[in-house]
């Protein structure tokens, strides 16, 4: 499983947990998250995440 990290704040998107508060169900691959989703910690877009 791939991990994606926010380059601004260091938040790591965990596919197993998803982001329920952001409307992302557990098990959702990062690639399948809508483009308008933002980091739940600092608010930047998906384009500011890097694959670990």
PDB file of N, CA and C in Angstrom:
ATOM      1  N   UNK A   1       0.836  -1.179   0.000  1.00  0.00           N
ATOM      2  CA  UNK A   1       0.000   0.000   0.000  1.00  0.00           C
ATOM      3  C   UNK A   1       0.884   1.246   0.000  1.00  0.00           C
ATOM      4  N   UNK A   2       0.508   2.211  -0.833  1.00  0.00           N
ATOM      5  CA  UNK A   2       1.275   3.439  -0.940  1.00  0.00           C
ATOM      6  C   UNK A   2       0.854   4.441   0.127  1.00  0.00           C
ATOM      7  N   UNK A   3       1.807   5.228   0.581  1.00  0.00           N
ATOM      8  CA  UNK A   3       1.513   6.311   1.509  1.00  0.00           C
ATOM      9  C   UNK A   3       1.816   7.624   0.806  1.00  0.00           C
ATOM     10  N   UNK A   4       0.956   8.602   1.027  1.00  0.00           N
ATOM     11  CA  UNK A   4       1.131   9.929   0.450  1.00  0.00           C
ATOM     12  C   UNK A   4       1.279  10.910   1.597  1.00  0.00           C
ATOM     13  N   UNK A   5       2.298  11.777   1.518  1.00  0.00           N
ATOM     14  CA  UNK A   5       2.579  12.724   2.587  1.00  0.00           C
ATOM     15  C   UNK A   5       2.421  14.149   2.078  1.00  0.00           C
ATOM     16  N   UNK A   6       1.772  14.986   2.897  1.00  0.00           N
ATOM     17  CA  UNK A   6       1.638  16.402   2.584  1.00  0.00           C
ATOM     18  C   UNK A   6       3.011  17.053   2.732  1.00  0.00           C
ATOM     19  N   UNK A   7       3.458  17.733   1.687  1.00  0.00           N
ATOM     20  CA  UNK A   7       4.781  18.357   1.715  1.00  0.00           C
ATOM     21  C   UNK A   7       4.795  19.640   2.542  1.00  0.00           C
ATOM     22  N   UNK A   8       3.626  20.128   2.926  1.00  0.00           N
ATOM     23  CA  UNK A   8       3.546  21.354   3.711  1.00  0.00           C
ATOM     24  C   UNK A   8       3.590  21.060   5.208  1.00  0.00           C
ATOM     25  N   UNK A   9       2.748  20.117   5.671  1.00  0.00           N
ATOM     26  CA  UNK A   9       2.639  19.888   7.115  1.00  0.00           C
ATOM     27  C   UNK A   9       3.082  18.504   7.574  1.00  0.00           C
ATOM     28  N   UNK A  10       3.289  17.573   6.631  1.00  0.00           N
ATOM     29  CA  UNK A  10       3.740  16.241   7.008  1.00  0.00           C
ATOM     30  C   UNK A  10       2.635  15.245   7.276  1.00  0.00           C
ATOM     31  N   UNK A  11       1.360  15.639   7.100  1.00  0.00           N
ATOM     32  CA  UNK A  11       0.239  14.711   7.277  1.00  0.00           C
ATOM     33  C   UNK A  11       0.404  13.545   6.310  1.00  0.00           C
ATOM     34  N   UNK A  12       0.173  12.330   6.790  1.00  0.00           N
ATOM     35  CA  UNK A  12       0.265  11.139   5.947  1.00  0.00           C
ATOM     36  C   UNK A  12      -1.140  10.593   5.726  1.00  0.00           C
ATOM     37  N   UNK A  13      -1.549  10.483   4.446  1.00  0.00           N
ATOM     38  CA  UNK A  13      -2.839   9.895   4.126  1.00  0.00           C
ATOM     39  C   UNK A  13      -2.726   8.392   4.264  1.00  0.00           C
ATOM     40  N   UNK A  14      -3.563   7.816   5.123  1.00  0.00           N
ATOM     41  CA  UNK A  14      -3.591   6.381   5.374  1.00  0.00           C
ATOM     42  C   UNK A  14      -4.818   5.809   4.676  1.00  0.00           C
ATOM     43  N   UNK A  15      -4.602   4.998   3.657  1.00  0.00           N
ATOM     44  CA  UNK A  15      -5.692   4.420   2.873  1.00  0.00           C
ATOM     45  C   UNK A  15      -6.640   3.596   3.731  1.00  0.00           C
ATOM     46  N   UNK A  16      -6.124   2.884   4.705  1.00  0.00           N
ATOM     47  CA  UNK A  16      -6.969   2.044   5.553  1.00  0.00           C
ATOM     48  C   UNK A  16      -7.952   2.878   6.371  1.00  0.00           C
ATOM     49  N   UNK A  17      -7.522   4.075   6.777  1.00  0.00           N
ATOM     50  CA  UNK A  17      -8.369   4.946   7.596  1.00  0.00           C
ATOM     51  C   UNK A  17      -9.203   5.903   6.765  1.00  0.00           C
ATOM     52  N   UNK A  18      -8.706   6.283   5.597  1.00  0.00           N
ATOM     53  CA  UNK A  18      -9.382   7.288   4.791  1.00  0.00           C
ATOM     54  C   UNK A  18      -9.366   8.626   5.511  1.00  0.00           C
ATOM     55  N   UNK A  19     -10.363   9.445   5.236  1.00  0.00           N
ATOM     56  CA  UNK A  19     -10.541  10.732   5.913  1.00  0.00           C
ATOM     57  C   UNK A  19     -12.042  10.934   6.100  1.00  0.00           C
ATOM     58  N   UNK A  20     -12.632  10.209   7.063  1.00  0.00           N
ATOM     59  CA  UNK A  20     -14.091  10.277   7.249  1.00  0.00           C
ATOM     60  C   UNK A  20     -14.611  11.696   7.447  1.00  0.00           C
ATOM     61  N   UNK A  21     -13.864  12.540   8.151  1.00  0.00           N
ATOM     62  CA  UNK A  21     -14.308  13.921   8.361  1.00  0.00           C
ATOM     63  C   UNK A  21     -14.311  14.713   7.058  1.00  0.00           C
ATOM     64  N   UNK A  22     -13.475  14.287   6.111  1.00  0.00           N
ATOM     65  CA  UNK A  22     -13.405  14.939   4.810  1.00  0.00           C
ATOM     66  C   UNK A  22     -14.234  14.243   3.744  1.00  0.00           C
ATOM     67  N   UNK A  23     -15.016  13.236   4.155  1.00  0.00           N
ATOM     68  CA  UNK A  23     -15.877  12.530   3.219  1.00  0.00           C
ATOM     69  C   UNK A  23     -15.200  11.423   2.437  1.00  0.00           C
ATOM     70  N   UNK A  24     -14.015  10.996   2.886  1.00  0.00           N
ATOM     71  CA  UNK A  24     -13.274   9.932   2.197  1.00  0.00           C
ATOM     72  C   UNK A  24     -13.386   8.649   3.015  1.00  0.00           C
ATOM     73  N   UNK A  25     -14.022   7.645   2.449  1.00  0.00           N
ATOM     74  CA  UNK A  25     -14.273   6.385   3.153  1.00  0.00           C
ATOM     75  C   UNK A  25     -12.985   5.602   3.360  1.00  0.00           C
ATOM     76  N   UNK A  26     -12.907   4.851   4.461  1.00  0.00           N
ATOM     77  CA  UNK A  26     -11.768   3.951   4.663  1.00  0.00           C
ATOM     78  C   UNK A  26     -11.612   3.026   3.455  1.00  0.00           C
ATOM     79  N   UNK A  27     -10.364   2.778   3.067  1.00  0.00           N
ATOM     80  CA  UNK A  27     -10.074   1.909   1.937  1.00  0.00           C
ATOM     81  C   UNK A  27      -9.945   2.650   0.610  1.00  0.00           C
ATOM     82  N   UNK A  28     -10.168   3.962   0.594  1.00  0.00           N
ATOM     83  CA  UNK A  28     -10.088   4.738  -0.640  1.00  0.00           C
ATOM     84  C   UNK A  28      -8.633   5.000  -1.006  1.00  0.00           C
ATOM     85  N   UNK A  29      -8.260   4.599  -2.221  1.00  0.00           N
ATOM     86  CA  UNK A  29      -6.906   4.874  -2.706  1.00  0.00           C
ATOM     87  C   UNK A  29      -6.741   6.371  -2.905  1.00  0.00           C
ATOM     88  N   UNK A  30      -5.527   6.866  -2.704  1.00  0.00           N
ATOM     89  CA  UNK A  30      -5.258   8.293  -2.862  1.00  0.00           C
ATOM     90  C   UNK A  30      -5.640   8.759  -4.266  1.00  0.00           C
ATOM     91  N   UNK A  31      -5.365   7.939  -5.254  1.00  0.00           N
ATOM     92  CA  UNK A  31      -5.660   8.287  -6.637  1.00  0.00           C
ATOM     93  C   UNK A  31      -7.154   8.463  -6.878  1.00  0.00           C
ATOM     94  N   UNK A  32      -7.981   7.831  -6.041  1.00  0.00           N
ATOM     95  CA  UNK A  32      -9.434   7.885  -6.210  1.00  0.00           C
ATOM     96  C   UNK A  32     -10.104   8.993  -5.411  1.00  0.00           C
ATOM     97  N   UNK A  33      -9.322   9.736  -4.631  1.00  0.00           N
ATOM     98  CA  UNK A  33      -9.872  10.859  -3.878  1.00  0.00           C
ATOM     99  C   UNK A  33     -10.188  11.983  -4.868  1.00  0.00           C
ATOM    100  N   UNK A  34     -11.340  12.643  -4.720  1.00  0.00           N
ATOM    101  CA  UNK A  34     -11.677  13.753  -5.628  1.00  0.00           C
ATOM    102  C   UNK A  34     -10.601  14.842  -5.611  1.00  0.00           C
ATOM    103  N   UNK A  35     -10.426  15.499  -6.751  1.00  0.00           N
ATOM    104  CA  UNK A  35      -9.382  16.520  -6.888  1.00  0.00           C
ATOM    105  C   UNK A  35      -9.606  17.733  -5.996  1.00  0.00           C
ATOM    106  N   UNK A  36     -10.834  17.937  -5.522  1.00  0.00           N
ATOM    107  CA  UNK A  36     -11.101  19.101  -4.676  1.00  0.00           C
ATOM    108  C   UNK A  36     -10.898  18.817  -3.183  1.00  0.00           C
ATOM    109  N   UNK A  37     -10.463  17.601  -2.852  1.00  0.00           N
ATOM    110  CA  UNK A  37     -10.164  17.248  -1.454  1.00  0.00           C
ATOM    111  C   UNK A  37      -8.940  18.037  -1.011  1.00  0.00           C
ATOM    112  N   UNK A  38      -8.918  18.417   0.275  1.00  0.00           N
ATOM    113  CA  UNK A  38      -7.768  19.140   0.819  1.00  0.00           C
ATOM    114  C   UNK A  38      -7.230  18.428   2.049  1.00  0.00           C
ATOM    115  N   UNK A  39      -5.981  18.679   2.356  1.00  0.00           N
ATOM    116  CA  UNK A  39      -5.338  18.122   3.537  1.00  0.00           C
ATOM    117  C   UNK A  39      -6.157  18.495   4.777  1.00  0.00           C
ATOM    118  N   UNK A  40      -6.503  17.514   5.608  1.00  0.00           N
ATOM    119  CA  UNK A  40      -7.318  17.801   6.795  1.00  0.00           C
ATOM    120  C   UNK A  40      -6.574  18.583   7.877  1.00  0.00           C
ATOM    121  N   UNK A  41      -5.259  18.707   7.754  1.00  0.00           N
ATOM    122  CA  UNK A  41      -4.485  19.431   8.761  1.00  0.00           C
ATOM    123  C   UNK A  41      -4.230  20.877   8.333  1.00  0.00           C
ATOM    124  N   UNK A  42      -3.726  21.072   7.095  1.00  0.00           N
ATOM    125  CA  UNK A  42      -3.329  22.425   6.690  1.00  0.00           C
ATOM    126  C   UNK A  42      -4.136  23.009   5.537  1.00  0.00           C
ATOM    127  N   UNK A  43      -4.955  22.191   4.873  1.00  0.00           N
ATOM    128  CA  UNK A  43      -5.860  22.720   3.855  1.00  0.00           C
ATOM    129  C   UNK A  43      -5.321  22.842   2.450  1.00  0.00           C
ATOM    130  N   UNK A  44      -4.112  22.329   2.161  1.00  0.00           N
ATOM    131  CA  UNK A  44      -3.606  22.395   0.783  1.00  0.00           C
ATOM    132  C   UNK A  44      -4.210  21.270  -0.045  1.00  0.00           C
ATOM    133  N   UNK A  45      -4.132  21.413  -1.371  1.00  0.00           N
ATOM    134  CA  UNK A  45      -4.718  20.441  -2.278  1.00  0.00           C
ATOM    135  C   UNK A  45      -3.878  19.186  -2.470  1.00  0.00           C
ATOM    136  N   UNK A  46      -4.479  18.227  -3.188  1.00  0.00           N
ATOM    137  CA  UNK A  46      -3.798  16.950  -3.452  1.00  0.00           C
ATOM    138  C   UNK A  46      -2.468  17.121  -4.163  1.00  0.00           C
ATOM    139  N   UNK A  47      -2.322  18.204  -4.929  1.00  0.00           N
ATOM    140  CA  UNK A  47      -1.101  18.410  -5.692  1.00  0.00           C
ATOM    141  C   UNK A  47       0.099  18.690  -4.811  1.00  0.00           C
ATOM    142  N   UNK A  48      -0.136  18.914  -3.524  1.00  0.00           N
ATOM    143  CA  UNK A  48       0.955  19.173  -2.584  1.00  0.00           C
ATOM    144  C   UNK A  48       1.363  17.909  -1.822  1.00  0.00           C
ATOM    145  N   UNK A  49       0.876  16.748  -2.251  1.00  0.00           N
ATOM    146  CA  UNK A  49       1.229  15.469  -1.630  1.00  0.00           C
ATOM    147  C   UNK A  49       2.232  14.740  -2.501  1.00  0.00           C
ATOM    148  N   UNK A  50       3.132  14.020  -1.843  1.00  0.00           N
ATOM    149  CA  UNK A  50       4.126  13.207  -2.550  1.00  0.00           C
ATOM    150  C   UNK A  50       4.002  11.760  -2.118  1.00  0.00           C
ATOM    151  N   UNK A  51       4.230  10.877  -3.073  1.00  0.00           N
ATOM    152  CA  UNK A  51       4.249   9.452  -2.799  1.00  0.00           C
ATOM    153  C   UNK A  51       5.500   9.102  -2.034  1.00  0.00           C
ATOM    154  N   UNK A  52       5.357   8.364  -0.944  1.00  0.00           N
ATOM    155  CA  UNK A  52       6.529   7.953  -0.143  1.00  0.00           C
ATOM    156  C   UNK A  52       7.179   6.743  -0.762  1.00  0.00           C
TER     157      UNK A  52
END
